[in-house]
Amino acid sequence: MDYFIGRGKWAAHPLQKKQSMKCKAFLPEIEKVNRELKSLCHFTNCEVFPNFRRNFPVISHVNSSKELRLVWLSRINKEKGYDTVFNLADRIEKEGLKITITFYGKVEEASEKEFNGLVERHQGVVKYEGQLPSEKIAKTLCDYDVMVLPTKYYTEGFPGTVLDAYISGLPVVATEWMHAREFIEEGVSGFVVPFENPQQEFDKRILEMCNDRALLSRLKQNAREKTKFYTEDRAWNVIKKYL
């Protein structure tokens, strides 16, 4: 979400320069958007306002099993890329890999029949646990190892799922949507796989973490470190200048 702080008016068309005179500041959450506002629209009253969470929990438990536990936390529809995850489930079953997948999120009506059928077909590997209340997200995610986000929405902004993963110390494996590399540092806090035809690289990265637990441990530590960019204090230091 991008924020606009105005003097009694909201800018209806924020990319028009004349509208900038009606606002104290334009505060996009994405650095690329911030650069474009400055370079293309010649705005001077803009800076990045980071997504943030309050009161990051202390991680008190982690997955201690031999399985690699993958988790999905998002709306559930085909455009979010669940077919990529179920294709991986096929491979897990065929090769007897020690990997499980758990879905959390609202199943959209158009995808409900197909999704439920796929969960049933892969019930030895895949579970669907319904919608996760916000107050339970951090505590629940600590039981997993990796967040998967094979989205087909190229224009994703900064999915809150990525920040939720980092708070719980989970690296993220995601397709390369428009802004993916701004939020996922390759080989540090996760992996970015091709947006088109991601399956081969997606599987490869998951298997790497399954087979190399030292790599997984480093990624988890790095993911948690990423949260320092998304604190309440950092967000307040930006916005307080315009209030």
C-alpha atoms as a PDB file:
ATOM      1  CA  MET A   1       0.000   0.000   0.000  1.00  0.00           C
ATOM      2  CA  ASP A   2       1.195   3.518  -0.793  1.00  0.00           C
ATOM      3  CA  TYR A   3       0.404   6.442   1.470  1.00  0.00           C
ATOM      4  CA  PHE A   4      -0.518  10.015   0.613  1.00  0.00           C
ATOM      5  CA  ILE A   5      -0.534  12.671   3.328  1.00  0.00           C
ATOM      6  CA  GLY A   6      -2.578  15.673   2.249  1.00  0.00           C
ATOM      7  CA  ARG A   7      -3.584  19.142   3.366  1.00  0.00           C
ATOM      8  CA  GLY A   8      -7.287  18.493   3.620  1.00  0.00           C
ATOM      9  CA  LYS A   9      -7.442  16.812   0.194  1.00  0.00           C
ATOM     10  CA  TRP A  10      -6.489  13.452  -1.183  1.00  0.00           C
ATOM     11  CA  ALA A  11      -4.652  13.360  -4.498  1.00  0.00           C
ATOM     12  CA  ALA A  12      -7.007  11.596  -6.886  1.00  0.00           C
ATOM     13  CA  HIS A  13      -4.282  11.162  -9.533  1.00  0.00           C
ATOM     14  CA  PRO A  14      -0.948  10.870  -7.708  1.00  0.00           C
ATOM     15  CA  LEU A  15       1.134  10.510 -10.883  1.00  0.00           C
ATOM     16  CA  GLN A  16       0.151  13.928 -12.155  1.00  0.00           C
ATOM     17  CA  LYS A  17       2.625  16.540 -11.041  1.00  0.00           C
ATOM     18  CA  LYS A  18       0.007  19.175 -10.384  1.00  0.00           C
ATOM     19  CA  GLN A  19      -1.566  16.930  -7.760  1.00  0.00           C
ATOM     20  CA  SER A  20       1.653  16.882  -5.743  1.00  0.00           C
ATOM     21  CA  MET A  21       0.960  20.450  -4.660  1.00  0.00           C
ATOM     22  CA  LYS A  22      -2.083  19.212  -2.727  1.00  0.00           C
ATOM     23  CA  CYS A  23      -0.115  16.703  -0.669  1.00  0.00           C
ATOM     24  CA  LYS A  24       2.589  17.062   1.910  1.00  0.00           C
ATOM     25  CA  ALA A  25       4.116  13.791   0.814  1.00  0.00           C
ATOM     26  CA  PHE A  26       3.816  10.734  -1.335  1.00  0.00           C
ATOM     27  CA  LEU A  27       5.050   7.704   0.582  1.00  0.00           C
ATOM     28  CA  PRO A  28       5.297   4.584  -1.610  1.00  0.00           C
ATOM     29  CA  GLU A  29       6.441   1.369   0.041  1.00  0.00           C
ATOM     30  CA  ILE A  30       8.507   0.385  -3.006  1.00  0.00           C
ATOM     31  CA  GLU A  31      11.853   1.969  -3.847  1.00  0.00           C
ATOM     32  CA  LYS A  32      11.353   1.605  -7.601  1.00  0.00           C
ATOM     33  CA  VAL A  33       8.110   3.581  -7.401  1.00  0.00           C
ATOM     34  CA  ASN A  34       9.849   6.220  -5.296  1.00  0.00           C
ATOM     35  CA  ARG A  35      12.616   6.608  -7.897  1.00  0.00           C
ATOM     36  CA  GLU A  36      10.105   6.905 -10.709  1.00  0.00           C
ATOM     37  CA  LEU A  37       8.116   9.581  -8.881  1.00  0.00           C
ATOM     38  CA  LYS A  38      11.322  11.581  -8.612  1.00  0.00           C
ATOM     39  CA  SER A  39      12.814  10.954 -12.042  1.00  0.00           C
ATOM     40  CA  LEU A  40       9.725  10.765 -14.254  1.00  0.00           C
ATOM     41  CA  CYS A  41       7.298  13.021 -12.403  1.00  0.00           C
ATOM     42  CA  HIS A  42       9.884  15.308 -10.786  1.00  0.00           C
ATOM     43  CA  PHE A  43       8.296  14.971  -7.371  1.00  0.00           C
ATOM     44  CA  THR A  44      10.385  16.243  -4.471  1.00  0.00           C
ATOM     45  CA  ASN A  45       7.962  15.384  -1.664  1.00  0.00           C
ATOM     46  CA  CYS A  46       8.276  11.600  -1.713  1.00  0.00           C
ATOM     47  CA  GLU A  47      10.205   8.890   0.099  1.00  0.00           C
ATOM     48  CA  VAL A  48       9.800   5.209   0.907  1.00  0.00           C
ATOM     49  CA  PHE A  49       7.471   4.398   3.777  1.00  0.00           C
ATOM     50  CA  PRO A  50       8.180   0.786   4.741  1.00  0.00           C
ATOM     51  CA  ASN A  51       5.618  -1.860   5.500  1.00  0.00           C
ATOM     52  CA  PHE A  52       5.943  -2.695   9.178  1.00  0.00           C
ATOM     53  CA  ARG A  53       4.711  -4.788  12.067  1.00  0.00           C
ATOM     54  CA  ARG A  54       4.470  -3.956  15.759  1.00  0.00           C
ATOM     55  CA  ASN A  55       6.103  -5.896  18.570  1.00  0.00           C
ATOM     56  CA  PHE A  56       8.083  -8.582  16.764  1.00  0.00           C
ATOM     57  CA  PRO A  57       7.853 -11.784  18.822  1.00  0.00           C
ATOM     58  CA  VAL A  58      10.813 -13.661  20.229  1.00  0.00           C
ATOM     59  CA  ILE A  59      11.115 -16.922  18.324  1.00  0.00           C
ATOM     60  CA  SER A  60      10.770 -19.609  20.972  1.00  0.00           C
ATOM     61  CA  HIS A  61      10.310 -22.725  18.882  1.00  0.00           C
ATOM     62  CA  VAL A  62      11.472 -23.999  15.526  1.00  0.00           C
ATOM     63  CA  ASN A  63      10.922 -27.072  13.410  1.00  0.00           C
ATOM     64  CA  SER A  64      13.042 -29.843  14.896  1.00  0.00           C
ATOM     65  CA  SER A  65      11.822 -32.641  12.629  1.00  0.00           C
ATOM     66  CA  LYS A  66      13.776 -34.200   9.784  1.00  0.00           C
ATOM     67  CA  GLU A  67      11.162 -33.034   7.313  1.00  0.00           C
ATOM     68  CA  LEU A  68      11.468 -29.800   5.394  1.00  0.00           C
ATOM     69  CA  ARG A  69       8.207 -28.018   6.131  1.00  0.00           C
ATOM     70  CA  LEU A  70       6.962 -25.642   3.465  1.00  0.00           C
ATOM     71  CA  VAL A  71       4.174 -23.186   4.180  1.00  0.00           C
ATOM     72  CA  TRP A  72       1.837 -21.080   2.047  1.00  0.00           C
ATOM     73  CA  LEU A  73       0.160 -18.066   3.661  1.00  0.00           C
ATOM     74  CA  SER A  74      -1.953 -16.161   1.160  1.00  0.00           C
ATOM     75  CA  ARG A  75      -5.215 -16.095  -0.685  1.00  0.00           C
ATOM     76  CA  ILE A  76      -5.652 -19.413  -2.444  1.00  0.00           C
ATOM     77  CA  ASN A  77      -6.336 -19.200  -6.132  1.00  0.00           C
ATOM     78  CA  LYS A  78      -4.605 -20.385  -9.261  1.00  0.00           C
ATOM     79  CA  GLU A  79      -3.151 -16.960 -10.034  1.00  0.00           C
ATOM     80  CA  LYS A  80      -1.229 -17.141  -6.780  1.00  0.00           C
ATOM     81  CA  GLY A  81       0.533 -20.160  -8.262  1.00  0.00           C
ATOM     82  CA  TYR A  82      -0.679 -23.147  -6.285  1.00  0.00           C
ATOM     83  CA  ASP A  83      -0.236 -25.336  -9.361  1.00  0.00           C
ATOM     84  CA  THR A  84       3.537 -24.923  -8.977  1.00  0.00           C
ATOM     85  CA  VAL A  85       3.289 -26.161  -5.391  1.00  0.00           C
ATOM     86  CA  PHE A  86       1.160 -29.169  -6.304  1.00  0.00           C
ATOM     87  CA  ASN A  87       3.542 -30.071  -9.131  1.00  0.00           C
ATOM     88  CA  LEU A  88       6.252 -30.159  -6.480  1.00  0.00           C
ATOM     89  CA  ALA A  89       3.976 -32.371  -4.369  1.00  0.00           C
ATOM     90  CA  ASP A  90       3.856 -34.856  -7.265  1.00  0.00           C
ATOM     91  CA  ARG A  91       7.641 -35.033  -7.230  1.00  0.00           C
ATOM     92  CA  ILE A  92       7.811 -35.358  -3.451  1.00  0.00           C
ATOM     93  CA  GLU A  93       5.523 -38.390  -3.603  1.00  0.00           C
ATOM     94  CA  LYS A  94       7.288 -40.024  -6.543  1.00  0.00           C
ATOM     95  CA  GLU A  95      10.760 -39.628  -5.045  1.00  0.00           C
ATOM     96  CA  GLY A  96       9.803 -40.217  -1.409  1.00  0.00           C
ATOM     97  CA  LEU A  97      11.239 -36.860  -0.311  1.00  0.00           C
ATOM     98  CA  LYS A  98      10.956 -35.740   3.305  1.00  0.00           C
ATOM     99  CA  ILE A  99       9.043 -32.564   2.536  1.00  0.00           C
ATOM    100  CA  THR A 100       5.563 -31.486   3.600  1.00  0.00           C
ATOM    101  CA  ILE A 101       3.427 -28.552   2.476  1.00  0.00           C
ATOM    102  CA  THR A 102       0.797 -26.707   4.517  1.00  0.00           C
ATOM    103  CA  PHE A 103      -1.611 -24.141   3.108  1.00  0.00           C
ATOM    104  CA  TYR A 104      -3.175 -21.317   5.109  1.00  0.00           C
ATOM    105  CA  GLY A 105      -5.556 -18.798   3.591  1.00  0.00           C
ATOM    106  CA  LYS A 106      -8.998 -18.186   2.207  1.00  0.00           C
ATOM    107  CA  VAL A 107      -9.851 -20.420  -0.742  1.00  0.00           C
ATOM    108  CA  GLU A 108     -11.510 -18.331  -3.422  1.00  0.00           C
ATOM    109  CA  GLU A 109     -14.748 -19.769  -4.731  1.00  0.00           C
ATOM    110  CA  ALA A 110     -13.582 -20.162  -8.331  1.00  0.00           C
ATOM    111  CA  SER A 111     -10.661 -22.325  -7.203  1.00  0.00           C
ATOM    112  CA  GLU A 112     -12.358 -24.221  -4.394  1.00  0.00           C
ATOM    113  CA  LYS A 113     -13.272 -27.430  -6.225  1.00  0.00           C
ATOM    114  CA  GLU A 114      -9.895 -27.854  -7.914  1.00  0.00           C
ATOM    115  CA  PHE A 115      -7.881 -26.933  -4.830  1.00  0.00           C
ATOM    116  CA  ASN A 116      -9.783 -29.254  -2.509  1.00  0.00           C
ATOM    117  CA  GLY A 117      -9.397 -32.078  -5.009  1.00  0.00           C
ATOM    118  CA  LEU A 118      -5.635 -31.544  -5.197  1.00  0.00           C
ATOM    119  CA  VAL A 119      -5.304 -31.486  -1.408  1.00  0.00           C
ATOM    120  CA  GLU A 120      -7.237 -34.748  -1.225  1.00  0.00           C
ATOM    121  CA  ARG A 121      -5.050 -36.315  -3.905  1.00  0.00           C
ATOM    122  CA  HIS A 122      -1.860 -35.355  -2.102  1.00  0.00           C
ATOM    123  CA  GLN A 123      -3.061 -35.844   1.462  1.00  0.00           C
ATOM    124  CA  GLY A 124       0.122 -37.659   2.464  1.00  0.00           C
ATOM    125  CA  VAL A 125       2.172 -34.568   1.667  1.00  0.00           C
ATOM    126  CA  VAL A 126      -0.207 -31.595   1.658  1.00  0.00           C
ATOM    127  CA  LYS A 127      -2.497 -30.190   4.350  1.00  0.00           C
ATOM    128  CA  TYR A 128      -4.936 -27.290   4.301  1.00  0.00           C
ATOM    129  CA  GLU A 129      -5.358 -25.652   7.710  1.00  0.00           C
ATOM    130  CA  GLY A 130      -7.882 -22.926   6.895  1.00  0.00           C
ATOM    131  CA  GLN A 131      -7.431 -19.234   7.590  1.00  0.00           C
ATOM    132  CA  LEU A 132      -4.875 -18.175  10.177  1.00  0.00           C
ATOM    133  CA  PRO A 133      -5.860 -15.350  12.572  1.00  0.00           C
ATOM    134  CA  SER A 134      -3.367 -12.481  12.449  1.00  0.00           C
ATOM    135  CA  GLU A 135      -2.495 -12.810  16.124  1.00  0.00           C
ATOM    136  CA  LYS A 136      -1.397 -16.424  15.562  1.00  0.00           C
ATOM    137  CA  ILE A 137       0.662 -15.942  12.402  1.00  0.00           C
ATOM    138  CA  ALA A 138       4.122 -15.448  13.905  1.00  0.00           C
ATOM    139  CA  LYS A 139       3.765 -18.232  16.464  1.00  0.00           C
ATOM    140  CA  THR A 140       2.419 -20.666  13.868  1.00  0.00           C
ATOM    141  CA  LEU A 141       4.991 -19.938  11.162  1.00  0.00           C
ATOM    142  CA  CYS A 142       7.832 -20.717  13.556  1.00  0.00           C
ATOM    143  CA  ASP A 143       6.943 -24.398  13.106  1.00  0.00           C
ATOM    144  CA  TYR A 144       7.882 -24.238   9.414  1.00  0.00           C
ATOM    145  CA  ASP A 145      11.069 -23.832   7.396  1.00  0.00           C
ATOM    146  CA  VAL A 146      10.322 -22.038   4.129  1.00  0.00           C
ATOM    147  CA  MET A 147       7.589 -19.771   2.790  1.00  0.00           C
ATOM    148  CA  VAL A 148       6.523 -20.422  -0.803  1.00  0.00           C
ATOM    149  CA  LEU A 149       5.101 -17.641  -2.967  1.00  0.00           C
ATOM    150  CA  PRO A 150       4.998 -18.720  -6.641  1.00  0.00           C
ATOM    151  CA  THR A 151       2.664 -15.870  -7.590  1.00  0.00           C
ATOM    152  CA  LYS A 152       1.482 -15.215 -11.139  1.00  0.00           C
ATOM    153  CA  TYR A 153       0.500 -11.640 -10.299  1.00  0.00           C
ATOM    154  CA  TYR A 154       3.362  -9.717 -11.896  1.00  0.00           C
ATOM    155  CA  THR A 155       2.286  -6.411 -10.368  1.00  0.00           C
ATOM    156  CA  GLU A 156       2.411  -7.570  -6.742  1.00  0.00           C
ATOM    157  CA  GLY A 157       3.619  -4.796  -4.448  1.00  0.00           C
ATOM    158  CA  PHE A 158       5.153  -5.970  -1.186  1.00  0.00           C
ATOM    159  CA  PRO A 159       3.138  -8.992  -0.047  1.00  0.00           C
ATOM    160  CA  GLY A 160       2.693  -8.988   3.717  1.00  0.00           C
ATOM    161  CA  THR A 161       3.402 -12.725   3.536  1.00  0.00           C
ATOM    162  CA  VAL A 162       7.074 -11.975   2.928  1.00  0.00           C
ATOM    163  CA  LEU A 163       7.340  -9.842   6.055  1.00  0.00           C
ATOM    164  CA  ASP A 164       5.407 -12.412   8.094  1.00  0.00           C
ATOM    165  CA  ALA A 165       7.906 -15.033   6.925  1.00  0.00           C
ATOM    166  CA  TYR A 166      10.907 -12.933   7.913  1.00  0.00           C
ATOM    167  CA  ILE A 167       9.484 -12.212  11.362  1.00  0.00           C
ATOM    168  CA  SER A 168       9.317 -15.965  11.987  1.00  0.00           C
ATOM    169  CA  GLY A 169      12.743 -16.577  10.494  1.00  0.00           C
ATOM    170  CA  LEU A 170      11.603 -18.198   7.246  1.00  0.00           C
ATOM    171  CA  PRO A 171      13.313 -17.642   3.909  1.00  0.00           C
ATOM    172  CA  VAL A 172      11.013 -17.108   0.938  1.00  0.00           C
ATOM    173  CA  VAL A 173      11.019 -18.843  -2.446  1.00  0.00           C
ATOM    174  CA  ALA A 174       9.038 -16.704  -4.867  1.00  0.00           C
ATOM    175  CA  THR A 175       8.574 -16.105  -8.541  1.00  0.00           C
ATOM    176  CA  GLU A 176      10.120 -12.941  -9.939  1.00  0.00           C
ATOM    177  CA  TRP A 177       7.200 -10.564  -9.805  1.00  0.00           C
ATOM    178  CA  MET A 178       7.888  -6.919 -10.640  1.00  0.00           C
ATOM    179  CA  HIS A 179       9.383  -5.982  -7.269  1.00  0.00           C
ATOM    180  CA  ALA A 180      10.544  -9.368  -5.965  1.00  0.00           C
ATOM    181  CA  ARG A 181      14.263  -8.594  -5.878  1.00  0.00           C
ATOM    182  CA  GLU A 182      13.715  -5.478  -3.817  1.00  0.00           C
ATOM    183  CA  PHE A 183      12.390  -7.581  -0.953  1.00  0.00           C
ATOM    184  CA  ILE A 184      14.023 -10.994  -1.388  1.00  0.00           C
ATOM    185  CA  GLU A 185      17.811 -11.026  -1.440  1.00  0.00           C
ATOM    186  CA  GLU A 186      18.903 -13.905  -3.628  1.00  0.00           C
ATOM    187  CA  GLY A 187      20.672 -16.621  -1.674  1.00  0.00           C
ATOM    188  CA  VAL A 188      20.472 -14.521   1.494  1.00  0.00           C
ATOM    189  CA  SER A 189      16.839 -14.280   2.587  1.00  0.00           C
ATOM    190  CA  GLY A 190      15.468 -16.682   0.007  1.00  0.00           C
ATOM    191  CA  PHE A 191      15.426 -17.358  -3.716  1.00  0.00           C
ATOM    192  CA  VAL A 192      13.727 -15.724  -6.683  1.00  0.00           C
ATOM    193  CA  VAL A 193      12.758 -18.113  -9.494  1.00  0.00           C
ATOM    194  CA  PRO A 194      11.632 -17.246 -13.035  1.00  0.00           C
ATOM    195  CA  PHE A 195       8.206 -15.704 -13.349  1.00  0.00           C
ATOM    196  CA  GLU A 196       7.474 -17.710 -16.491  1.00  0.00           C
ATOM    197  CA  ASN A 197       7.919 -21.478 -16.257  1.00  0.00           C
ATOM    198  CA  PRO A 198       9.238 -21.474 -12.680  1.00  0.00           C
ATOM    199  CA  GLN A 199       8.879 -25.181 -11.926  1.00  0.00           C
ATOM    200  CA  GLN A 200      12.410 -26.443 -12.557  1.00  0.00           C
ATOM    201  CA  GLU A 201      14.112 -23.675 -10.578  1.00  0.00           C
ATOM    202  CA  PHE A 202      11.444 -23.729  -7.869  1.00  0.00           C
ATOM    203  CA  ASP A 203      11.964 -27.460  -7.284  1.00  0.00           C
ATOM    204  CA  LYS A 204      15.744 -27.039  -7.408  1.00  0.00           C
ATOM    205  CA  ARG A 205      15.789 -24.419  -4.662  1.00  0.00           C
ATOM    206  CA  ILE A 206      13.472 -26.382  -2.404  1.00  0.00           C
ATOM    207  CA  LEU A 207      15.577 -29.518  -2.794  1.00  0.00           C
ATOM    208  CA  GLU A 208      18.770 -27.566  -2.081  1.00  0.00           C
ATOM    209  CA  MET A 209      17.393 -26.474   1.279  1.00  0.00           C
ATOM    210  CA  CYS A 210      16.088 -29.953   2.021  1.00  0.00           C
ATOM    211  CA  ASN A 211      19.512 -31.505   1.395  1.00  0.00           C
ATOM    212  CA  ASP A 212      21.678 -28.754   2.910  1.00  0.00           C
ATOM    213  CA  ARG A 213      20.502 -27.887   6.405  1.00  0.00           C
ATOM    214  CA  ALA A 214      23.482 -25.584   6.983  1.00  0.00           C
ATOM    215  CA  LEU A 215      22.276 -23.495   4.030  1.00  0.00           C
ATOM    216  CA  LEU A 216      18.749 -23.529   5.418  1.00  0.00           C
ATOM    217  CA  SER A 217      19.996 -22.398   8.812  1.00  0.00           C
ATOM    218  CA  ARG A 218      21.880 -19.446   7.292  1.00  0.00           C
ATOM    219  CA  LEU A 219      18.855 -18.423   5.255  1.00  0.00           C
ATOM    220  CA  LYS A 220      16.664 -18.530   8.345  1.00  0.00           C
ATOM    221  CA  GLN A 221      19.030 -16.338  10.303  1.00  0.00           C
ATOM    222  CA  ASN A 222      19.270 -13.876   7.419  1.00  0.00           C
ATOM    223  CA  ALA A 223      15.498 -13.771   7.039  1.00  0.00           C
ATOM    224  CA  ARG A 224      15.097 -12.764  10.650  1.00  0.00           C
ATOM    225  CA  GLU A 225      17.744 -10.055  10.156  1.00  0.00           C
ATOM    226  CA  LYS A 226      15.620  -8.551   7.385  1.00  0.00           C
ATOM    227  CA  THR A 227      12.991  -7.507   9.910  1.00  0.00           C
ATOM    228  CA  LYS A 228      15.131  -4.570  11.050  1.00  0.00           C
ATOM    229  CA  PHE A 229      14.034  -2.771   7.875  1.00  0.00           C
ATOM    230  CA  TYR A 230      10.345  -3.113   8.766  1.00  0.00           C
ATOM    231  CA  THR A 231      10.045  -1.948  12.344  1.00  0.00           C
ATOM    232  CA  GLU A 232       7.458   0.428  13.741  1.00  0.00           C
ATOM    233  CA  ASP A 233      10.223   2.859  14.737  1.00  0.00           C
ATOM    234  CA  ARG A 234      11.626   2.998  11.214  1.00  0.00           C
ATOM    235  CA  ALA A 235       8.181   3.693   9.773  1.00  0.00           C
ATOM    236  CA  TRP A 236       7.517   6.364  12.395  1.00  0.00           C
ATOM    237  CA  ASN A 237      10.803   8.123  11.616  1.00  0.00           C
ATOM    238  CA  VAL A 238       9.548   8.606   8.062  1.00  0.00           C
ATOM    239  CA  ILE A 239       5.979   9.618   8.683  1.00  0.00           C
ATOM    240  CA  LYS A 240       6.507  11.915  11.685  1.00  0.00           C
ATOM    241  CA  LYS A 241       8.217  14.494   9.462  1.00  0.00           C
ATOM    242  CA  TYR A 242       4.940  15.126   7.646  1.00  0.00           C
ATOM    243  CA  LEU A 243       2.498  15.239  10.558  1.00  0.00           C
END
